[in-house]
């Protein structure tokens, strides 16, 4: 099965995703960092697979990345978990965009460290 984890970095500037496509010993996870400023929107109730056997509006949330060409859909165990995730993502995304905007207005350049630095 697929084993996935999502965490927020220490600076509260990005999601860190880690996905392992196999539970076999030695299987290496694939990782990706997504900056909150790169997320265009977070919605509750959107599910990428229209043939889902669950009520998507109850337990799913989708992050649409900059430009709308990529998205991530998360499925939660309960509607309350989904609601908590959506609220946290909206707060973190708003804060990251405010930091970026205030840095640009003041002439300061805000540099967010990427895992590739």
Foldseek 3Di string as FASTA:
>chain_A
DKDKDWDADPVLFWIKIWIFPDPDPPGGIDIDIDGLLQWPAKAAQDDPDPPDPDRSNWFKMKTQGHPRPDMDMDGDPGSVVRVVVRVVSVVSSVVNVVVCVVCVVVVHHDDDDDPVD
